[in-house]
PDB file of N, CA and C in Angstrom:
ATOM      1  N   UNK A   1     107.582  95.887  84.855  1.00  0.00           N
ATOM      2  CA  UNK A   1     106.991  96.224  85.830  1.00  0.00           C
ATOM      3  C   UNK A   1     107.141  97.815  86.309  1.00  0.00           C
ATOM      4  N   UNK A   2     106.574  97.793  87.090  1.00  0.00           N
ATOM      5  CA  UNK A   2     106.439  99.472  87.423  1.00  0.00           C
ATOM      6  C   UNK A   2     107.210  99.578  89.105  1.00  0.00           C
ATOM      7  N   UNK A   3     108.185 100.595  88.978  1.00  0.00           N
ATOM      8  CA  UNK A   3     108.737 100.436  90.192  1.00  0.00           C
ATOM      9  C   UNK A   3     107.936 100.715  91.653  1.00  0.00           C
ATOM     10  N   UNK A   4     106.962 101.364  91.503  1.00  0.00           N
ATOM     11  CA  UNK A   4     105.780 101.801  91.930  1.00  0.00           C
ATOM     12  C   UNK A   4     105.399 100.534  92.659  1.00  0.00           C
ATOM     13  N   UNK A   5     105.406  99.603  91.936  1.00  0.00           N
ATOM     14  CA  UNK A   5     104.335  97.981  91.510  1.00  0.00           C
ATOM     15  C   UNK A   5     105.331  97.389  92.635  1.00  0.00           C
ATOM     16  N   UNK A   6     106.370  97.293  92.264  1.00  0.00           N
ATOM     17  CA  UNK A   6     107.208  96.689  93.554  1.00  0.00           C
ATOM     18  C   UNK A   6     107.361  96.744  94.961  1.00  0.00           C
ATOM     19  N   UNK A   7     108.055  97.858  94.843  1.00  0.00           N
ATOM     20  CA  UNK A   7     107.991  98.595  95.943  1.00  0.00           C
ATOM     21  C   UNK A   7     107.124  98.411  96.874  1.00  0.00           C
ATOM     22  N   UNK A   8     105.355  98.467  96.718  1.00  0.00           N
ATOM     23  CA  UNK A   8     104.203  98.114  97.528  1.00  0.00           C
ATOM     24  C   UNK A   8     104.681  96.883  97.785  1.00  0.00           C
ATOM     25  N   UNK A   9     104.416  96.022  96.517  1.00  0.00           N
ATOM     26  CA  UNK A   9     104.667  94.697  96.581  1.00  0.00           C
ATOM     27  C   UNK A   9     105.410  93.920  98.233  1.00  0.00           C
ATOM     28  N   UNK A  10     106.849  95.043  97.739  1.00  0.00           N
ATOM     29  CA  UNK A  10     107.608  94.558  98.767  1.00  0.00           C
ATOM     30  C   UNK A  10     107.511  94.954 100.079  1.00  0.00           C
ATOM     31  N   UNK A  11     107.098  96.163 100.455  1.00  0.00           N
ATOM     32  CA  UNK A  11     106.582  96.322 101.503  1.00  0.00           C
ATOM     33  C   UNK A  11     105.563  95.395 102.364  1.00  0.00           C
ATOM     34  N   UNK A  12     104.548  95.123 101.561  1.00  0.00           N
ATOM     35  CA  UNK A  12     103.294  94.211 102.088  1.00  0.00           C
ATOM     36  C   UNK A  12     104.091  92.824 102.195  1.00  0.00           C
ATOM     37  N   UNK A  13     104.607  92.100 101.659  1.00  0.00           N
ATOM     38  CA  UNK A  13     105.504  91.355 101.493  1.00  0.00           C
ATOM     39  C   UNK A  13     106.851  90.944 103.175  1.00  0.00           C
ATOM     40  N   UNK A  14     107.311  91.613 103.068  1.00  0.00           N
ATOM     41  CA  UNK A  14     108.205  91.614 104.336  1.00  0.00           C
ATOM     42  C   UNK A  14     107.408  92.169 105.691  1.00  0.00           C
ATOM     43  N   UNK A  15     106.032  92.420 105.282  1.00  0.00           N
ATOM     44  CA  UNK A  15     105.170  93.118 106.748  1.00  0.00           C
ATOM     45  C   UNK A  15     104.913  91.959 107.221  1.00  0.00           C
ATOM     46  N   UNK A  16     104.482  91.384 106.127  1.00  0.00           N
ATOM     47  CA  UNK A  16     103.443  90.578 106.671  1.00  0.00           C
ATOM     48  C   UNK A  16     104.573  89.351 106.736  1.00  0.00           C
ATOM     49  N   UNK A  17     105.864  89.052 106.036  1.00  0.00           N
ATOM     50  CA  UNK A  17     106.581  87.950 107.122  1.00  0.00           C
ATOM     51  C   UNK A  17     106.940  87.754 108.287  1.00  0.00           C
ATOM     52  N   UNK A  18     106.470  89.197 109.048  1.00  0.00           N
ATOM     53  CA  UNK A  18     107.047  89.737 110.501  1.00  0.00           C
ATOM     54  C   UNK A  18     106.199  89.876 110.995  1.00  0.00           C
ATOM     55  N   UNK A  19     104.899  89.402 110.447  1.00  0.00           N
ATOM     56  CA  UNK A  19     104.042  89.195 111.002  1.00  0.00           C
ATOM     57  C   UNK A  19     103.082  90.393 111.560  1.00  0.00           C
ATOM     58  N   UNK A  20     103.542  91.762 110.899  1.00  0.00           N
ATOM     59  CA  UNK A  20     103.569  92.898 111.708  1.00  0.00           C
ATOM     60  C   UNK A  20     102.127  93.667 110.879  1.00  0.00           C
ATOM     61  N   UNK A  21     101.712  93.949 111.325  1.00  0.00           N
ATOM     62  CA  UNK A  21     100.221  94.660 111.156  1.00  0.00           C
ATOM     63  C   UNK A  21     100.488  95.908 110.678  1.00  0.00           C
ATOM     64  N   UNK A  22      99.971  96.858 109.526  1.00  0.00           N
ATOM     65  CA  UNK A  22     100.333  97.918 108.933  1.00  0.00           C
ATOM     66  C   UNK A  22     100.375  99.262 110.166  1.00  0.00           C
ATOM     67  N   UNK A  23      99.296  99.021 111.602  1.00  0.00           N
ATOM     68  CA  UNK A  23      99.807 100.162 112.283  1.00  0.00           C
ATOM     69  C   UNK A  23     100.723  99.680 112.710  1.00  0.00           C
ATOM     70  N   UNK A  24     101.531  98.252 112.986  1.00  0.00           N
ATOM     71  CA  UNK A  24     102.506  98.295 113.997  1.00  0.00           C
ATOM     72  C   UNK A  24     103.558  98.849 112.982  1.00  0.00           C
ATOM     73  N   UNK A  25     103.619  98.513 111.765  1.00  0.00           N
ATOM     74  CA  UNK A  25     105.062  99.020 111.242  1.00  0.00           C
ATOM     75  C   UNK A  25     104.733 100.661 110.983  1.00  0.00           C
ATOM     76  N   UNK A  26     103.497 101.219 111.174  1.00  0.00           N
ATOM     77  CA  UNK A  26     103.686 102.409 110.895  1.00  0.00           C
ATOM     78  C   UNK A  26     104.142 103.126 112.116  1.00  0.00           C
ATOM     79  N   UNK A  27     104.337 102.470 113.979  1.00  0.00           N
ATOM     80  CA  UNK A  27     104.563 102.870 114.487  1.00  0.00           C
ATOM     81  C   UNK A  27     106.072 103.077 114.460  1.00  0.00           C
ATOM     82  N   UNK A  28     106.154 101.776 114.161  1.00  0.00           N
ATOM     83  CA  UNK A  28     107.691 101.297 114.292  1.00  0.00           C
ATOM     84  C   UNK A  28     108.639 102.227 113.264  1.00  0.00           C
ATOM     85  N   UNK A  29     108.133 102.668 112.051  1.00  0.00           N
ATOM     86  CA  UNK A  29     108.790 103.436 111.141  1.00  0.00           C
ATOM     87  C   UNK A  29     108.681 105.738 111.344  1.00  0.00           C
ATOM     88  N   UNK A  30     107.681 105.316 112.143  1.00  0.00           N
ATOM     89  CA  UNK A  30     107.241 106.758 112.843  1.00  0.00           C
ATOM     90  C   UNK A  30     106.253 107.058 111.713  1.00  0.00           C
ATOM     91  N   UNK A  31     105.644 107.081 110.785  1.00  0.00           N
ATOM     92  CA  UNK A  31     104.871 106.968 110.256  1.00  0.00           C
ATOM     93  C   UNK A  31     103.487 106.927 109.617  1.00  0.00           C
ATOM     94  N   UNK A  32     102.485 107.142 109.260  1.00  0.00           N
ATOM     95  CA  UNK A  32     100.706 107.323 109.402  1.00  0.00           C
ATOM     96  C   UNK A  32     100.536 105.984 109.366  1.00  0.00           C
ATOM     97  N   UNK A  33      99.805 105.036 109.705  1.00  0.00           N
ATOM     98  CA  UNK A  33      99.261 104.189 109.262  1.00  0.00           C
ATOM     99  C   UNK A  33      98.199 104.522 107.737  1.00  0.00           C
ATOM    100  N   UNK A  34      97.674 105.494 107.321  1.00  0.00           N
ATOM    101  CA  UNK A  34      97.344 105.093 106.392  1.00  0.00           C
ATOM    102  C   UNK A  34      98.229 105.448 105.174  1.00  0.00           C
ATOM    103  N   UNK A  35      98.751 106.091 105.797  1.00  0.00           N
ATOM    104  CA  UNK A  35     100.112 106.332 104.747  1.00  0.00           C
ATOM    105  C   UNK A  35     100.899 104.931 104.729  1.00  0.00           C
ATOM    106  N   UNK A  36     101.204 103.991 105.010  1.00  0.00           N
ATOM    107  CA  UNK A  36     100.892 102.776 104.911  1.00  0.00           C
ATOM    108  C   UNK A  36     100.388 101.633 103.795  1.00  0.00           C
ATOM    109  N   UNK A  37      99.061 101.802 104.377  1.00  0.00           N
ATOM    110  CA  UNK A  37      98.311 101.456 103.681  1.00  0.00           C
ATOM    111  C   UNK A  37      98.476 102.185 102.021  1.00  0.00           C
ATOM    112  N   UNK A  38      98.127 103.044 101.992  1.00  0.00           N
ATOM    113  CA  UNK A  38      98.357 104.279 100.826  1.00  0.00           C
ATOM    114  C   UNK A  38      99.167 103.592  99.679  1.00  0.00           C
ATOM    115  N   UNK A  39     101.152 102.942 100.773  1.00  0.00           N
ATOM    116  CA  UNK A  39     101.974 103.080  99.735  1.00  0.00           C
ATOM    117  C   UNK A  39     101.688 101.246  99.000  1.00  0.00           C
ATOM    118  N   UNK A  40     100.887 100.782  99.904  1.00  0.00           N
ATOM    119  CA  UNK A  40     100.650  99.606  99.705  1.00  0.00           C
ATOM    120  C   UNK A  40     100.064  99.137  98.350  1.00  0.00           C
ATOM    121  N   UNK A  41      99.239 100.125  98.564  1.00  0.00           N
ATOM    122  CA  UNK A  41      98.051  99.899  97.317  1.00  0.00           C
ATOM    123  C   UNK A  41      98.387 100.706  96.131  1.00  0.00           C
ATOM    124  N   UNK A  42      99.254 101.458  96.581  1.00  0.00           N
ATOM    125  CA  UNK A  42     100.087 102.002  95.241  1.00  0.00           C
ATOM    126  C   UNK A  42      99.583 103.697  94.957  1.00  0.00           C
ATOM    127  N   UNK A  43      99.002 103.820  95.863  1.00  0.00           N
ATOM    128  CA  UNK A  43      98.101 105.606  95.902  1.00  0.00           C
ATOM    129  C   UNK A  43      99.247 106.092  96.606  1.00  0.00           C
ATOM    130  N   UNK A  44     100.489 106.468  97.036  1.00  0.00           N
ATOM    131  CA  UNK A  44     101.155 107.761  97.522  1.00  0.00           C
ATOM    132  C   UNK A  44     102.541 107.565  96.840  1.00  0.00           C
ATOM    133  N   UNK A  45     103.208 108.504  96.129  1.00  0.00           N
ATOM    134  CA  UNK A  45     104.882 108.580  96.511  1.00  0.00           C
ATOM    135  C   UNK A  45     105.569 108.497  97.261  1.00  0.00           C
ATOM    136  N   UNK A  46     107.511 108.248  97.470  1.00  0.00           N
ATOM    137  CA  UNK A  46     107.016 108.116  99.094  1.00  0.00           C
ATOM    138  C   UNK A  46     108.871 108.820  98.827  1.00  0.00           C
ATOM    139  N   UNK A  47     109.310 109.385  99.625  1.00  0.00           N
ATOM    140  CA  UNK A  47     110.694 109.647  99.637  1.00  0.00           C
ATOM    141  C   UNK A  47     112.044 108.839 100.281  1.00  0.00           C
ATOM    142  N   UNK A  48     112.964 109.602  99.891  1.00  0.00           N
ATOM    143  CA  UNK A  48     113.954 108.536 100.526  1.00  0.00           C
ATOM    144  C   UNK A  48     114.353 108.482 101.770  1.00  0.00           C
ATOM    145  N   UNK A  49     114.105 109.666 102.502  1.00  0.00           N
ATOM    146  CA  UNK A  49     113.949 109.271 103.770  1.00  0.00           C
ATOM    147  C   UNK A  49     112.496 108.520 104.210  1.00  0.00           C
ATOM    148  N   UNK A  50     111.617 108.346 103.918  1.00  0.00           N
ATOM    149  CA  UNK A  50     110.604 107.008 104.394  1.00  0.00           C
ATOM    150  C   UNK A  50     110.576 106.076 103.618  1.00  0.00           C
ATOM    151  N   UNK A  51     111.493 105.649 102.939  1.00  0.00           N
ATOM    152  CA  UNK A  51     112.162 104.444 102.160  1.00  0.00           C
ATOM    153  C   UNK A  51     113.358 103.956 103.714  1.00  0.00           C
ATOM    154  N   UNK A  52     113.490 104.994 103.914  1.00  0.00           N
ATOM    155  CA  UNK A  52     114.912 104.636 104.830  1.00  0.00           C
ATOM    156  C   UNK A  52     113.806 104.184 106.082  1.00  0.00           C
ATOM    157  N   UNK A  53     113.086 104.800 106.288  1.00  0.00           N
ATOM    158  CA  UNK A  53     112.155 104.413 107.812  1.00  0.00           C
ATOM    159  C   UNK A  53     111.187 102.875 107.748  1.00  0.00           C
ATOM    160  N   UNK A  54     110.721 103.195 106.360  1.00  0.00           N
ATOM    161  CA  UNK A  54     110.290 101.978 106.859  1.00  0.00           C
ATOM    162  C   UNK A  54     111.192 100.371 106.431  1.00  0.00           C
ATOM    163  N   UNK A  55     112.735 101.011 106.003  1.00  0.00           N
ATOM    164  CA  UNK A  55     113.312  99.788 105.830  1.00  0.00           C
ATOM    165  C   UNK A  55     113.742  99.256 107.182  1.00  0.00           C
ATOM    166  N   UNK A  56     114.146  99.989 107.421  1.00  0.00           N
ATOM    167  CA  UNK A  56     115.092 100.160 108.952  1.00  0.00           C
ATOM    168  C   UNK A  56     113.917  99.625 109.594  1.00  0.00           C
ATOM    169  N   UNK A  57     112.596  99.752 109.793  1.00  0.00           N
ATOM    170  CA  UNK A  57     111.478  98.907 110.708  1.00  0.00           C
ATOM    171  C   UNK A  57     110.994  98.015 110.763  1.00  0.00           C
ATOM    172  N   UNK A  58     111.499  97.159 109.216  1.00  0.00           N
ATOM    173  CA  UNK A  58     111.093  96.001 108.920  1.00  0.00           C
ATOM    174  C   UNK A  58     112.377  95.520 108.827  1.00  0.00           C
ATOM    175  N   UNK A  59     113.697  95.628 109.248  1.00  0.00           N
ATOM    176  CA  UNK A  59     115.052  95.432 109.643  1.00  0.00           C
ATOM    177  C   UNK A  59     115.492  94.160 108.339  1.00  0.00           C
ATOM    178  N   UNK A  60     115.510  95.148 107.064  1.00  0.00           N
ATOM    179  CA  UNK A  60     116.104  95.218 106.081  1.00  0.00           C
ATOM    180  C   UNK A  60     116.710  96.211 105.344  1.00  0.00           C
ATOM    181  N   UNK A  61     117.500  95.454 104.021  1.00  0.00           N
ATOM    182  CA  UNK A  61     118.270  96.504 103.516  1.00  0.00           C
ATOM    183  C   UNK A  61     117.407  97.451 102.801  1.00  0.00           C
ATOM    184  N   UNK A  62     117.496  98.642 102.462  1.00  0.00           N
ATOM    185  CA  UNK A  62     116.242  99.509 101.333  1.00  0.00           C
ATOM    186  C   UNK A  62     116.326  99.379  99.781  1.00  0.00           C
ATOM    187  N   UNK A  63     117.737  98.431  99.488  1.00  0.00           N
ATOM    188  CA  UNK A  63     117.590  97.746  98.323  1.00  0.00           C
ATOM    189  C   UNK A  63     116.586  97.337  97.913  1.00  0.00           C
ATOM    190  N   UNK A  64     116.202  96.458  98.984  1.00  0.00           N
ATOM    191  CA  UNK A  64     115.954  94.766  98.945  1.00  0.00           C
ATOM    192  C   UNK A  64     114.033  94.791  98.606  1.00  0.00           C
ATOM    193  N   UNK A  65     113.498  96.242  98.973  1.00  0.00           N
ATOM    194  CA  UNK A  65     112.220  96.933  98.847  1.00  0.00           C
ATOM    195  C   UNK A  65     111.862  97.188  96.972  1.00  0.00           C
ATOM    196  N   UNK A  66     113.043  96.977  96.941  1.00  0.00           N
ATOM    197  CA  UNK A  66     113.506  97.617  95.052  1.00  0.00           C
ATOM    198  C   UNK A  66     113.630  95.894  93.775  1.00  0.00           C
ATOM    199  N   UNK A  67     113.595  95.528  94.169  1.00  0.00           N
ATOM    200  CA  UNK A  67     113.959  94.090  93.927  1.00  0.00           C
ATOM    201  C   UNK A  67     112.658  93.264  93.707  1.00  0.00           C
ATOM    202  N   UNK A  68     112.245  92.778  92.065  1.00  0.00           N
ATOM    203  CA  UNK A  68     111.070  92.556  91.327  1.00  0.00           C
ATOM    204  C   UNK A  68     110.855  90.960  92.372  1.00  0.00           C
ATOM    205  N   UNK A  69     110.134  90.098  92.298  1.00  0.00           N
ATOM    206  CA  UNK A  69     109.732  88.844  92.850  1.00  0.00           C
ATOM    207  C   UNK A  69     110.355  87.917  92.508  1.00  0.00           C
ATOM    208  N   UNK A  70     111.042  88.378  90.543  1.00  0.00           N
ATOM    209  CA  UNK A  70     111.832  87.092  90.029  1.00  0.00           C
ATOM    210  C   UNK A  70     113.238  87.549  90.104  1.00  0.00           C
ATOM    211  N   UNK A  71     113.672  88.176  90.536  1.00  0.00           N
ATOM    212  CA  UNK A  71     115.142  88.778  90.986  1.00  0.00           C
ATOM    213  C   UNK A  71     115.133  88.455  92.511  1.00  0.00           C
ATOM    214  N   UNK A  72     114.633  88.451  93.956  1.00  0.00           N
ATOM    215  CA  UNK A  72     114.787  88.183  94.927  1.00  0.00           C
ATOM    216  C   UNK A  72     115.737  86.907  95.118  1.00  0.00           C
ATOM    217  N   UNK A  73     116.450  87.141  96.170  1.00  0.00           N
ATOM    218  CA  UNK A  73     116.823  85.656  95.868  1.00  0.00           C
ATOM    219  C   UNK A  73     117.167  84.880  97.248  1.00  0.00           C
ATOM    220  N   UNK A  74     117.062  85.500  98.126  1.00  0.00           N
ATOM    221  CA  UNK A  74     116.355  85.482  99.784  1.00  0.00           C
ATOM    222  C   UNK A  74     115.087  85.999 100.231  1.00  0.00           C
ATOM    223  N   UNK A  75     114.523  85.420 101.134  1.00  0.00           N
ATOM    224  CA  UNK A  75     113.417  87.033 102.073  1.00  0.00           C
ATOM    225  C   UNK A  75     114.329  86.834 103.334  1.00  0.00           C
ATOM    226  N   UNK A  76     114.640  87.782 103.977  1.00  0.00           N
ATOM    227  CA  UNK A  76     115.780  87.545 104.691  1.00  0.00           C
ATOM    228  C   UNK A  76     114.392  88.292 106.777  1.00  0.00           C
TER     229      UNK A  76
END
């Protein structure tokens, strides 16, 4: 499985599990809503700085955004 797919799926998963819209996640992370949308659709690459911003906004450790469904032990 491609890393970008795992990341995009996890961002969407954690965002939805926290009942956040893309706009709310964008506001919490200091990023633009269209950027969040493009990430979730695997249309954009992401910098390490922005990975950290999204992880903090979702209140998860950044490494969890790179663990595939099969490897995910828990869903904080």
